[in-house]
Amino acid sequence: MADTEITFTSGDVTVHGSLRIPDGVDGPVPAALLLAGSGPTDRNGDSAVMPGPIGTLRFLADLLADAGVASLRYDKLGSGKTGLGPYDVDDVAGLGFSVFVDAAADALRNLAAQPDIDENRLMVIGHSEGALVAMTLAVREGSPRLVGLGLLEPLAVRLLDLLTRQITGQVDAAVAAGQLPLELADELRTGLTGAVESLRTDGTVADDLPEPLRLAGLVSVNAKALAEEDALDPRALAAELPAGLPVLTSCSIRDIQVDCGDVDALDAALAAATVTPVRMTTANHVLKEIGERPSTGADYIEDLPFSTEFRTGFVNWLATLPR
């Protein structure tokens, strides 16, 4: 099952990707658009900020092909062959999150137009931040109708709420360990509250933001993207999904980036959809098997098998979709 290199245009960017058509399948086939997580992540799910391969999206393409489902995955702006396109680094930082949503919408239209694809049997499968984009496409006016939606280790709360929780937890842990003076911790908490309020009010953050918050990603150069992404509330989007739409959600107790309680709450918001939850015990955030050990993030690039728990749940879900 070889990949075919394709390109499509999104705004001023030529996006590079891989189309995979299953072998031995006659006639137009169902197809899935695969959407990567945050940052400069390429078509395989590999990140430019990590020193080794991850492969999550390539793994999903393999599972889909084995099930007779075609797929399209692509290099996000800032990664792989797509690179920065016509932009420089400063330009990209000022483009905002909508550029990535628009690229996904253009990718879905490109997939629907492929000659071997059944445009009436399309699905979108997003990993991590990609799940937020997937839900946005599912409710976006003019998007092709979907027969399935995969939300894998999804961003299940508003982005700034998640960042607030993560940063506050790190500050509290540092204080408890005697690594951070209480006075500085209070300054960081106050700065964080102000930054979130400013981002949600006018899409900016103060120039004098404490350095630890800048290192955590709350920097002015990323303010537009942060504000735009935070404005997309996963639970509100979930409530807008078409009635009866088959949706798979997954999470793992070993995932250090996504809390299963948040995903359970997302499931509850998917009241009109038909939800299949996959809950795992030995997978990390990128769906690799790590057993009983805690994930540190460094395990993302280890040469590990992908989760059997996920594989079983995902394949079983695919079998329930229109064929």
C-alpha atoms as a PDB file:
ATOM      1  CA  MET A   1       0.000   0.000   0.000  1.00  0.00           C
ATOM      2  CA  ALA A   2       2.218   2.773  -1.292  1.00  0.00           C
ATOM      3  CA  ASP A   3       1.661   6.453  -0.590  1.00  0.00           C
ATOM      4  CA  THR A   4       1.192   8.864  -3.476  1.00  0.00           C
ATOM      5  CA  GLU A   5       2.746  12.291  -3.047  1.00  0.00           C
ATOM      6  CA  ILE A   6       0.196  15.047  -3.599  1.00  0.00           C
ATOM      7  CA  THR A   7      -0.008  18.802  -3.183  1.00  0.00           C
ATOM      8  CA  PHE A   8      -2.878  21.182  -2.680  1.00  0.00           C
ATOM      9  CA  THR A   9      -3.143  24.922  -2.178  1.00  0.00           C
ATOM     10  CA  SER A  10      -4.331  26.624   0.982  1.00  0.00           C
ATOM     11  CA  GLY A  11      -4.205  30.392   0.774  1.00  0.00           C
ATOM     12  CA  ASP A  12      -0.674  31.291  -0.305  1.00  0.00           C
ATOM     13  CA  VAL A  13       0.774  27.937   0.760  1.00  0.00           C
ATOM     14  CA  THR A  14       1.430  24.811  -1.288  1.00  0.00           C
ATOM     15  CA  VAL A  15       0.799  21.962   1.136  1.00  0.00           C
ATOM     16  CA  HIS A  16       2.519  18.599   0.621  1.00  0.00           C
ATOM     17  CA  GLY A  17       0.936  15.354   1.693  1.00  0.00           C
ATOM     18  CA  SER A  18       0.478  11.619   1.195  1.00  0.00           C
ATOM     19  CA  LEU A  19      -2.601   9.966  -0.270  1.00  0.00           C
ATOM     20  CA  ARG A  20      -2.942   6.258   0.394  1.00  0.00           C
ATOM     21  CA  ILE A  21      -5.424   4.085  -1.466  1.00  0.00           C
ATOM     22  CA  PRO A  22      -5.840   0.513  -0.148  1.00  0.00           C
ATOM     23  CA  ASP A  23      -4.693  -2.267  -2.445  1.00  0.00           C
ATOM     24  CA  GLY A  24      -7.193  -4.673  -3.933  1.00  0.00           C
ATOM     25  CA  VAL A  25     -10.277  -2.528  -3.354  1.00  0.00           C
ATOM     26  CA  ASP A  26     -12.551  -1.976  -6.352  1.00  0.00           C
ATOM     27  CA  GLY A  27     -14.576   1.167  -6.923  1.00  0.00           C
ATOM     28  CA  PRO A  28     -14.592   4.396  -4.908  1.00  0.00           C
ATOM     29  CA  VAL A  29     -13.474   3.782  -1.332  1.00  0.00           C
ATOM     30  CA  PRO A  30     -14.220   5.475   1.999  1.00  0.00           C
ATOM     31  CA  ALA A  31     -11.522   7.869   3.111  1.00  0.00           C
ATOM     32  CA  ALA A  32     -10.228   9.674   6.181  1.00  0.00           C
ATOM     33  CA  LEU A  33      -8.399  12.951   6.598  1.00  0.00           C
ATOM     34  CA  LEU A  34      -5.745  12.628   9.314  1.00  0.00           C
ATOM     35  CA  LEU A  35      -4.945  15.737  11.361  1.00  0.00           C
ATOM     36  CA  ALA A  36      -1.803  16.104  13.459  1.00  0.00           C
ATOM     37  CA  GLY A  37      -1.413  17.660  16.884  1.00  0.00           C
ATOM     38  CA  SER A  38       0.088  20.996  17.849  1.00  0.00           C
ATOM     39  CA  GLY A  39       3.319  22.561  16.697  1.00  0.00           C
ATOM     40  CA  PRO A  40       5.376  21.900  13.560  1.00  0.00           C
ATOM     41  CA  THR A  41       4.090  18.341  13.072  1.00  0.00           C
ATOM     42  CA  ASP A  42       4.401  16.575   9.736  1.00  0.00           C
ATOM     43  CA  ARG A  43       2.277  14.057   7.861  1.00  0.00           C
ATOM     44  CA  ASN A  44       3.619  11.132   9.891  1.00  0.00           C
ATOM     45  CA  GLY A  45       3.022  12.775  13.253  1.00  0.00           C
ATOM     46  CA  ASP A  46       6.721  13.594  13.713  1.00  0.00           C
ATOM     47  CA  SER A  47       7.613  16.891  15.366  1.00  0.00           C
ATOM     48  CA  ALA A  48      10.378  19.239  14.306  1.00  0.00           C
ATOM     49  CA  VAL A  49      11.007  20.031  17.991  1.00  0.00           C
ATOM     50  CA  MET A  50      11.744  16.402  18.938  1.00  0.00           C
ATOM     51  CA  PRO A  51      14.946  14.580  17.935  1.00  0.00           C
ATOM     52  CA  GLY A  52      13.396  11.400  16.582  1.00  0.00           C
ATOM     53  CA  PRO A  53      10.416   9.882  14.760  1.00  0.00           C
ATOM     54  CA  ILE A  54       7.012   9.422  16.407  1.00  0.00           C
ATOM     55  CA  GLY A  55       4.881   8.023  13.583  1.00  0.00           C
ATOM     56  CA  THR A  56       1.361   8.268  15.006  1.00  0.00           C
ATOM     57  CA  LEU A  57      -0.315   9.425  11.792  1.00  0.00           C
ATOM     58  CA  ARG A  58       1.541   6.878   9.699  1.00  0.00           C
ATOM     59  CA  PHE A  59       0.299   4.196  12.122  1.00  0.00           C
ATOM     60  CA  LEU A  60      -3.275   5.424  11.661  1.00  0.00           C
ATOM     61  CA  ALA A  61      -2.876   5.360   7.878  1.00  0.00           C
ATOM     62  CA  ASP A  62      -1.742   1.734   8.153  1.00  0.00           C
ATOM     63  CA  LEU A  63      -4.777   0.762  10.250  1.00  0.00           C
ATOM     64  CA  LEU A  64      -7.130   2.519   7.854  1.00  0.00           C
ATOM     65  CA  ALA A  65      -5.614   0.879   4.780  1.00  0.00           C
ATOM     66  CA  ASP A  66      -5.892  -2.560   6.396  1.00  0.00           C
ATOM     67  CA  ALA A  67      -9.578  -1.817   6.915  1.00  0.00           C
ATOM     68  CA  GLY A  68     -10.061  -0.767   3.272  1.00  0.00           C
ATOM     69  CA  VAL A  69     -10.132   2.976   4.017  1.00  0.00           C
ATOM     70  CA  ALA A  70      -8.054   5.494   2.071  1.00  0.00           C
ATOM     71  CA  SER A  71      -6.375   8.384   3.862  1.00  0.00           C
ATOM     72  CA  LEU A  72      -4.783  11.762   3.349  1.00  0.00           C
ATOM     73  CA  ARG A  73      -2.217  13.158   5.744  1.00  0.00           C
ATOM     74  CA  TYR A  74      -0.100  16.250   5.176  1.00  0.00           C
ATOM     75  CA  ASP A  75       2.807  18.338   6.417  1.00  0.00           C
ATOM     76  CA  LYS A  76       1.426  21.234   8.421  1.00  0.00           C
ATOM     77  CA  LEU A  77       2.737  24.720   7.772  1.00  0.00           C
ATOM     78  CA  GLY A  78       6.192  24.845   9.344  1.00  0.00           C
ATOM     79  CA  SER A  79       6.944  21.143   8.879  1.00  0.00           C
ATOM     80  CA  GLY A  80       8.143  18.639   6.274  1.00  0.00           C
ATOM     81  CA  LYS A  81       8.073  19.530   2.596  1.00  0.00           C
ATOM     82  CA  THR A  82       5.456  22.230   3.175  1.00  0.00           C
ATOM     83  CA  GLY A  83       7.907  24.180   5.304  1.00  0.00           C
ATOM     84  CA  LEU A  84       7.140  27.849   5.793  1.00  0.00           C
ATOM     85  CA  GLY A  85       5.826  28.298   2.263  1.00  0.00           C
ATOM     86  CA  PRO A  86       6.095  31.954   1.226  1.00  0.00           C
ATOM     87  CA  TYR A  87       6.488  33.141   4.819  1.00  0.00           C
ATOM     88  CA  ASP A  88       9.345  33.764   7.198  1.00  0.00           C
ATOM     89  CA  VAL A  89       9.270  32.830  10.878  1.00  0.00           C
ATOM     90  CA  ASP A  90       7.846  36.161  12.007  1.00  0.00           C
ATOM     91  CA  ASP A  91       5.087  36.003   9.383  1.00  0.00           C
ATOM     92  CA  VAL A  92       3.978  32.528  10.495  1.00  0.00           C
ATOM     93  CA  ALA A  93       3.818  33.569  14.125  1.00  0.00           C
ATOM     94  CA  GLY A  94       1.391  36.332  13.186  1.00  0.00           C
ATOM     95  CA  LEU A  95      -0.920  34.273  10.974  1.00  0.00           C
ATOM     96  CA  GLY A  96      -3.149  32.893  13.707  1.00  0.00           C
ATOM     97  CA  PHE A  97      -4.749  29.519  14.289  1.00  0.00           C
ATOM     98  CA  SER A  98      -7.343  29.982  11.550  1.00  0.00           C
ATOM     99  CA  VAL A  99      -4.640  29.322   8.942  1.00  0.00           C
ATOM    100  CA  PHE A 100      -4.303  25.759  10.222  1.00  0.00           C
ATOM    101  CA  VAL A 101      -8.067  25.232  10.273  1.00  0.00           C
ATOM    102  CA  ASP A 102      -8.335  26.558   6.721  1.00  0.00           C
ATOM    103  CA  ALA A 103      -5.567  24.187   5.582  1.00  0.00           C
ATOM    104  CA  ALA A 104      -7.467  21.247   7.059  1.00  0.00           C
ATOM    105  CA  ALA A 105     -10.652  22.354   5.284  1.00  0.00           C
ATOM    106  CA  ASP A 106      -8.770  22.602   1.985  1.00  0.00           C
ATOM    107  CA  ALA A 107      -7.268  19.155   2.588  1.00  0.00           C
ATOM    108  CA  LEU A 108     -10.726  17.660   3.153  1.00  0.00           C
ATOM    109  CA  ARG A 109     -12.030  19.186  -0.067  1.00  0.00           C
ATOM    110  CA  ASN A 110      -8.989  17.854  -1.919  1.00  0.00           C
ATOM    111  CA  LEU A 111      -9.556  14.386  -0.520  1.00  0.00           C
ATOM    112  CA  ALA A 112     -13.236  14.435  -1.509  1.00  0.00           C
ATOM    113  CA  ALA A 113     -12.278  15.358  -5.086  1.00  0.00           C
ATOM    114  CA  GLN A 114      -9.834  12.481  -5.601  1.00  0.00           C
ATOM    115  CA  PRO A 115     -11.048  10.086  -8.339  1.00  0.00           C
ATOM    116  CA  ASP A 116     -10.806   6.887  -6.254  1.00  0.00           C
ATOM    117  CA  ILE A 117     -12.572   8.360  -3.215  1.00  0.00           C
ATOM    118  CA  ASP A 118     -16.248   8.059  -2.330  1.00  0.00           C
ATOM    119  CA  GLU A 119     -17.149  11.615  -1.340  1.00  0.00           C
ATOM    120  CA  ASN A 120     -20.189  10.300   0.513  1.00  0.00           C
ATOM    121  CA  ARG A 121     -18.061   8.217   2.901  1.00  0.00           C
ATOM    122  CA  LEU A 122     -15.615  10.699   4.378  1.00  0.00           C
ATOM    123  CA  MET A 123     -14.336  10.872   7.928  1.00  0.00           C
ATOM    124  CA  VAL A 124     -11.906  13.108   9.805  1.00  0.00           C
ATOM    125  CA  ILE A 125      -9.581  11.767  12.470  1.00  0.00           C
ATOM    126  CA  GLY A 126      -7.649  14.238  14.596  1.00  0.00           C
ATOM    127  CA  HIS A 127      -4.972  13.594  17.186  1.00  0.00           C
ATOM    128  CA  SER A 128      -4.575  15.939  20.175  1.00  0.00           C
ATOM    129  CA  GLU A 129      -5.031  19.528  18.900  1.00  0.00           C
ATOM    130  CA  GLY A 130      -6.013  17.967  15.568  1.00  0.00           C
ATOM    131  CA  ALA A 131      -9.184  16.701  17.243  1.00  0.00           C
ATOM    132  CA  LEU A 132     -10.239  20.302  17.890  1.00  0.00           C
ATOM    133  CA  VAL A 133      -9.704  21.085  14.218  1.00  0.00           C
ATOM    134  CA  ALA A 134     -11.644  17.936  13.281  1.00  0.00           C
ATOM    135  CA  MET A 135     -14.682  19.076  15.264  1.00  0.00           C
ATOM    136  CA  THR A 136     -14.418  22.527  13.719  1.00  0.00           C
ATOM    137  CA  LEU A 137     -14.548  20.996  10.235  1.00  0.00           C
ATOM    138  CA  ALA A 138     -17.510  18.809  11.189  1.00  0.00           C
ATOM    139  CA  VAL A 139     -19.645  21.862  12.019  1.00  0.00           C
ATOM    140  CA  ARG A 140     -18.178  24.266   9.447  1.00  0.00           C
ATOM    141  CA  GLU A 141     -20.587  25.519   6.823  1.00  0.00           C
ATOM    142  CA  GLY A 142     -19.731  24.143   3.403  1.00  0.00           C
ATOM    143  CA  SER A 143     -17.696  21.175   4.683  1.00  0.00           C
ATOM    144  CA  PRO A 144     -18.411  17.778   3.130  1.00  0.00           C
ATOM    145  CA  ARG A 145     -20.755  15.618   5.186  1.00  0.00           C
ATOM    146  CA  LEU A 146     -18.900  13.159   7.395  1.00  0.00           C
ATOM    147  CA  VAL A 147     -19.755   9.557   8.230  1.00  0.00           C
ATOM    148  CA  GLY A 148     -17.308   9.377  11.139  1.00  0.00           C
ATOM    149  CA  LEU A 149     -15.198  11.540  13.427  1.00  0.00           C
ATOM    150  CA  GLY A 150     -12.173  10.359  15.417  1.00  0.00           C
ATOM    151  CA  LEU A 151     -11.070  12.421  18.426  1.00  0.00           C
ATOM    152  CA  LEU A 152      -7.844  10.806  19.629  1.00  0.00           C
ATOM    153  CA  GLU A 153      -6.322  12.062  22.880  1.00  0.00           C
ATOM    154  CA  PRO A 154      -8.261  15.250  22.163  1.00  0.00           C
ATOM    155  CA  LEU A 155      -7.886  18.759  23.458  1.00  0.00           C
ATOM    156  CA  ALA A 156     -11.099  18.520  25.491  1.00  0.00           C
ATOM    157  CA  VAL A 157     -11.138  21.902  27.271  1.00  0.00           C
ATOM    158  CA  ARG A 158     -10.393  25.415  26.083  1.00  0.00           C
ATOM    159  CA  LEU A 159      -6.692  25.841  25.407  1.00  0.00           C
ATOM    160  CA  LEU A 160      -6.048  28.603  27.941  1.00  0.00           C
ATOM    161  CA  ASP A 161      -7.894  26.671  30.638  1.00  0.00           C
ATOM    162  CA  LEU A 162      -5.590  23.718  29.969  1.00  0.00           C
ATOM    163  CA  LEU A 163      -2.464  25.887  29.986  1.00  0.00           C
ATOM    164  CA  THR A 164      -3.611  27.546  33.210  1.00  0.00           C
ATOM    165  CA  ARG A 165      -4.068  24.163  34.863  1.00  0.00           C
ATOM    166  CA  GLN A 166      -0.706  22.874  33.651  1.00  0.00           C
ATOM    167  CA  ILE A 167       1.289  25.973  34.596  1.00  0.00           C
ATOM    168  CA  THR A 168      -0.424  26.310  37.974  1.00  0.00           C
ATOM    169  CA  GLY A 169       0.339  22.673  38.710  1.00  0.00           C
ATOM    170  CA  GLN A 170       3.998  23.191  37.844  1.00  0.00           C
ATOM    171  CA  VAL A 171       4.198  26.286  40.038  1.00  0.00           C
ATOM    172  CA  ASP A 172       2.526  24.531  42.978  1.00  0.00           C
ATOM    173  CA  ALA A 173       4.852  21.535  42.637  1.00  0.00           C
ATOM    174  CA  ALA A 174       7.918  23.776  42.544  1.00  0.00           C
ATOM    175  CA  VAL A 175       6.785  25.589  45.694  1.00  0.00           C
ATOM    176  CA  ALA A 176       6.105  22.301  47.498  1.00  0.00           C
ATOM    177  CA  ALA A 177       9.580  21.043  46.549  1.00  0.00           C
ATOM    178  CA  GLY A 178      11.224  24.211  47.828  1.00  0.00           C
ATOM    179  CA  GLN A 179      12.411  25.104  44.330  1.00  0.00           C
ATOM    180  CA  LEU A 180      10.376  28.307  43.975  1.00  0.00           C
ATOM    181  CA  PRO A 181       9.884  31.101  46.530  1.00  0.00           C
ATOM    182  CA  LEU A 182       6.261  31.735  47.423  1.00  0.00           C
ATOM    183  CA  GLU A 183       6.577  35.414  46.444  1.00  0.00           C
ATOM    184  CA  LEU A 184       7.674  34.510  42.912  1.00  0.00           C
ATOM    185  CA  ALA A 185       4.963  31.856  42.696  1.00  0.00           C
ATOM    186  CA  ASP A 186       2.328  34.450  43.539  1.00  0.00           C
ATOM    187  CA  GLU A 187       3.774  36.747  40.872  1.00  0.00           C
ATOM    188  CA  LEU A 188       3.526  33.961  38.309  1.00  0.00           C
ATOM    189  CA  ARG A 189      -0.060  33.118  39.240  1.00  0.00           C
ATOM    190  CA  THR A 190      -1.067  36.780  39.009  1.00  0.00           C
ATOM    191  CA  GLY A 191       0.721  37.163  35.678  1.00  0.00           C
ATOM    192  CA  LEU A 192      -0.976  34.051  34.349  1.00  0.00           C
ATOM    193  CA  THR A 193      -4.434  35.261  35.336  1.00  0.00           C
ATOM    194  CA  GLY A 194      -3.767  38.613  33.693  1.00  0.00           C
ATOM    195  CA  ALA A 195      -2.392  37.034  30.524  1.00  0.00           C
ATOM    196  CA  VAL A 196      -5.435  34.799  30.079  1.00  0.00           C
ATOM    197  CA  GLU A 197      -7.804  37.707  30.670  1.00  0.00           C
ATOM    198  CA  SER A 198      -5.918  39.873  28.172  1.00  0.00           C
ATOM    199  CA  LEU A 199      -5.815  37.144  25.528  1.00  0.00           C
ATOM    200  CA  ARG A 200      -9.543  36.558  25.863  1.00  0.00           C
ATOM    201  CA  THR A 201     -10.371  40.264  25.857  1.00  0.00           C
ATOM    202  CA  ASP A 202      -8.263  41.670  23.041  1.00  0.00           C
ATOM    203  CA  GLY A 203      -5.923  38.898  21.866  1.00  0.00           C
ATOM    204  CA  THR A 204      -2.752  40.335  23.387  1.00  0.00           C
ATOM    205  CA  VAL A 205      -0.450  39.737  26.339  1.00  0.00           C
ATOM    206  CA  ALA A 206       1.659  42.243  28.245  1.00  0.00           C
ATOM    207  CA  ASP A 207       5.245  42.865  27.172  1.00  0.00           C
ATOM    208  CA  ASP A 208       6.429  42.440  30.779  1.00  0.00           C
ATOM    209  CA  LEU A 209       5.060  38.916  31.189  1.00  0.00           C
ATOM    210  CA  PRO A 210       7.247  36.974  33.678  1.00  0.00           C
ATOM    211  CA  GLU A 211       9.903  34.923  31.881  1.00  0.00           C
ATOM    212  CA  PRO A 212       8.629  31.496  33.060  1.00  0.00           C
ATOM    213  CA  LEU A 213       5.265  32.263  31.450  1.00  0.00           C
ATOM    214  CA  ARG A 214       6.993  33.225  28.220  1.00  0.00           C
ATOM    215  CA  LEU A 215       8.839  29.919  28.263  1.00  0.00           C
ATOM    216  CA  ALA A 216       5.509  28.160  28.805  1.00  0.00           C
ATOM    217  CA  GLY A 217       4.266  29.549  25.497  1.00  0.00           C
ATOM    218  CA  LEU A 218       2.360  32.656  26.575  1.00  0.00           C
ATOM    219  CA  VAL A 219       4.443  35.026  24.485  1.00  0.00           C
ATOM    220  CA  SER A 220       3.176  38.019  22.568  1.00  0.00           C
ATOM    221  CA  VAL A 221       4.387  36.692  19.204  1.00  0.00           C
ATOM    222  CA  ASN A 222       1.954  33.736  19.599  1.00  0.00           C
ATOM    223  CA  ALA A 223      -0.903  35.767  21.036  1.00  0.00           C
ATOM    224  CA  LYS A 224      -3.107  35.720  17.947  1.00  0.00           C
ATOM    225  CA  ALA A 225      -2.891  31.963  17.523  1.00  0.00           C
ATOM    226  CA  LEU A 226      -3.469  31.355  21.231  1.00  0.00           C
ATOM    227  CA  ALA A 227      -6.516  33.624  21.321  1.00  0.00           C
ATOM    228  CA  GLU A 228      -8.043  32.130  18.173  1.00  0.00           C
ATOM    229  CA  GLU A 229      -7.543  28.553  19.326  1.00  0.00           C
ATOM    230  CA  ASP A 230      -8.832  29.293  22.819  1.00  0.00           C
ATOM    231  CA  ALA A 231     -12.007  30.763  21.305  1.00  0.00           C
ATOM    232  CA  LEU A 232     -12.826  27.264  19.995  1.00  0.00           C
ATOM    233  CA  ASP A 233     -14.512  25.545  22.939  1.00  0.00           C
ATOM    234  CA  PRO A 234     -14.367  21.764  22.398  1.00  0.00           C
ATOM    235  CA  ARG A 235     -17.507  21.077  24.402  1.00  0.00           C
ATOM    236  CA  ALA A 236     -19.495  23.759  22.596  1.00  0.00           C
ATOM    237  CA  LEU A 237     -18.354  22.325  19.253  1.00  0.00           C
ATOM    238  CA  ALA A 238     -19.294  18.836  20.457  1.00  0.00           C
ATOM    239  CA  ALA A 239     -22.817  19.995  21.157  1.00  0.00           C
ATOM    240  CA  GLU A 240     -23.137  21.292  17.587  1.00  0.00           C
ATOM    241  CA  LEU A 241     -22.197  18.034  15.852  1.00  0.00           C
ATOM    242  CA  PRO A 242     -24.862  16.465  13.630  1.00  0.00           C
ATOM    243  CA  ALA A 243     -27.279  14.103  15.336  1.00  0.00           C
ATOM    244  CA  GLY A 244     -26.227  10.481  15.063  1.00  0.00           C
ATOM    245  CA  LEU A 245     -22.712  11.178  13.795  1.00  0.00           C
ATOM    246  CA  PRO A 246     -20.468   8.258  14.827  1.00  0.00           C
ATOM    247  CA  VAL A 247     -17.668   9.660  17.016  1.00  0.00           C
ATOM    248  CA  LEU A 248     -14.762   7.771  18.559  1.00  0.00           C
ATOM    249  CA  THR A 249     -12.962   9.335  21.519  1.00  0.00           C
ATOM    250  CA  SER A 250      -9.814   7.945  23.089  1.00  0.00           C
ATOM    251  CA  CYS A 251      -7.698   8.655  26.139  1.00  0.00           C
ATOM    252  CA  SER A 252      -5.248   6.814  28.379  1.00  0.00           C
ATOM    253  CA  ILE A 253      -4.438   7.009  32.059  1.00  0.00           C
ATOM    254  CA  ARG A 254      -0.752   7.207  31.017  1.00  0.00           C
ATOM    255  CA  ASP A 255      -1.320  10.340  28.899  1.00  0.00           C
ATOM    256  CA  ILE A 256       0.418  13.300  30.545  1.00  0.00           C
ATOM    257  CA  GLN A 257      -1.187  15.853  28.208  1.00  0.00           C
ATOM    258  CA  VAL A 258      -4.861  14.852  28.238  1.00  0.00           C
ATOM    259  CA  ASP A 259      -6.977  14.009  31.273  1.00  0.00           C
ATOM    260  CA  CYS A 260      -9.522  11.215  30.844  1.00  0.00           C
ATOM    261  CA  GLY A 261     -11.938  13.136  33.062  1.00  0.00           C
ATOM    262  CA  ASP A 262     -11.918  15.949  30.515  1.00  0.00           C
ATOM    263  CA  VAL A 263     -12.536  13.475  27.693  1.00  0.00           C
ATOM    264  CA  ASP A 264     -15.419  11.935  29.651  1.00  0.00           C
ATOM    265  CA  ALA A 265     -16.916  15.425  29.935  1.00  0.00           C
ATOM    266  CA  LEU A 266     -16.435  15.884  26.201  1.00  0.00           C
ATOM    267  CA  ASP A 267     -18.320  12.616  25.657  1.00  0.00           C
ATOM    268  CA  ALA A 268     -21.180  13.986  27.732  1.00  0.00           C
ATOM    269  CA  ALA A 269     -21.256  17.103  25.538  1.00  0.00           C
ATOM    270  CA  LEU A 270     -21.548  14.850  22.464  1.00  0.00           C
ATOM    271  CA  ALA A 271     -25.166  14.294  23.399  1.00  0.00           C
ATOM    272  CA  ALA A 272     -26.558  14.089  19.867  1.00  0.00           C
ATOM    273  CA  ALA A 273     -23.710  12.028  18.422  1.00  0.00           C
ATOM    274  CA  THR A 274     -23.188   8.277  18.644  1.00  0.00           C
ATOM    275  CA  VAL A 275     -20.105   8.004  20.843  1.00  0.00           C
ATOM    276  CA  THR A 276     -17.667   5.098  21.079  1.00  0.00           C
ATOM    277  CA  PRO A 277     -15.208   5.672  23.946  1.00  0.00           C
ATOM    278  CA  VAL A 278     -11.831   3.920  23.891  1.00  0.00           C
ATOM    279  CA  ARG A 279     -10.147   4.065  27.291  1.00  0.00           C
ATOM    280  CA  MET A 280      -6.585   2.788  27.587  1.00  0.00           C
ATOM    281  CA  THR A 281      -4.285   1.853  30.441  1.00  0.00           C
ATOM    282  CA  THR A 282      -0.845   1.414  28.844  1.00  0.00           C
ATOM    283  CA  ALA A 283      -0.646   3.996  26.033  1.00  0.00           C
ATOM    284  CA  ASN A 284       1.083   7.364  26.073  1.00  0.00           C
ATOM    285  CA  HIS A 285      -0.160  10.510  24.343  1.00  0.00           C
ATOM    286  CA  VAL A 286       1.103   9.429  20.924  1.00  0.00           C
ATOM    287  CA  LEU A 287      -0.584   5.993  21.266  1.00  0.00           C
ATOM    288  CA  LYS A 288       2.577   3.997  21.955  1.00  0.00           C
ATOM    289  CA  GLU A 289       2.696   1.164  24.491  1.00  0.00           C
ATOM    290  CA  ILE A 290       4.634   2.130  27.636  1.00  0.00           C
ATOM    291  CA  GLY A 291       3.229  -0.472  30.027  1.00  0.00           C
ATOM    292  CA  GLU A 292       2.919   0.533  33.674  1.00  0.00           C
ATOM    293  CA  ARG A 293       5.713   3.113  33.707  1.00  0.00           C
ATOM    294  CA  PRO A 294       4.895   6.818  33.789  1.00  0.00           C
ATOM    295  CA  SER A 295       5.228   8.769  30.581  1.00  0.00           C
ATOM    296  CA  THR A 296       7.742  11.609  30.513  1.00  0.00           C
ATOM    297  CA  GLY A 297       7.323  12.772  26.919  1.00  0.00           C
ATOM    298  CA  ALA A 298      10.739  11.375  26.023  1.00  0.00           C
ATOM    299  CA  ASP A 299       8.991   8.052  25.355  1.00  0.00           C
ATOM    300  CA  TYR A 300       7.198   9.600  22.357  1.00  0.00           C
ATOM    301  CA  ILE A 301      10.242   9.012  20.156  1.00  0.00           C
ATOM    302  CA  GLU A 302      11.183   5.601  21.569  1.00  0.00           C
ATOM    303  CA  ASP A 303      10.950   2.643  19.200  1.00  0.00           C
ATOM    304  CA  LEU A 304       7.858   1.155  20.838  1.00  0.00           C
ATOM    305  CA  PRO A 305       4.856  -0.723  19.443  1.00  0.00           C
ATOM    306  CA  PHE A 306       1.613   1.154  19.151  1.00  0.00           C
ATOM    307  CA  SER A 307      -1.195   0.456  21.579  1.00  0.00           C
ATOM    308  CA  THR A 308      -3.063  -2.824  21.214  1.00  0.00           C
ATOM    309  CA  GLU A 309      -5.912  -1.353  23.256  1.00  0.00           C
ATOM    310  CA  PHE A 310      -6.230   1.492  20.782  1.00  0.00           C
ATOM    311  CA  ARG A 311      -5.836  -0.706  17.713  1.00  0.00           C
ATOM    312  CA  THR A 312      -8.666  -3.010  18.822  1.00  0.00           C
ATOM    313  CA  GLY A 313     -11.074  -0.204  19.687  1.00  0.00           C
ATOM    314  CA  PHE A 314     -10.316   1.799  16.564  1.00  0.00           C
ATOM    315  CA  VAL A 315     -10.624  -1.124  14.142  1.00  0.00           C
ATOM    316  CA  ASN A 316     -13.870  -2.250  15.757  1.00  0.00           C
ATOM    317  CA  TRP A 317     -15.250   1.271  15.402  1.00  0.00           C
ATOM    318  CA  LEU A 318     -14.268   1.475  11.737  1.00  0.00           C
ATOM    319  CA  ALA A 319     -16.197  -1.746  11.122  1.00  0.00           C
ATOM    320  CA  THR A 320     -19.418  -0.045  12.273  1.00  0.00           C
ATOM    321  CA  LEU A 321     -19.181   2.810   9.759  1.00  0.00           C
ATOM    322  CA  PRO A 322     -20.928   2.851   6.352  1.00  0.00           C
ATOM    323  CA  ARG A 323     -18.978   0.697   3.845  1.00  0.00           C
END
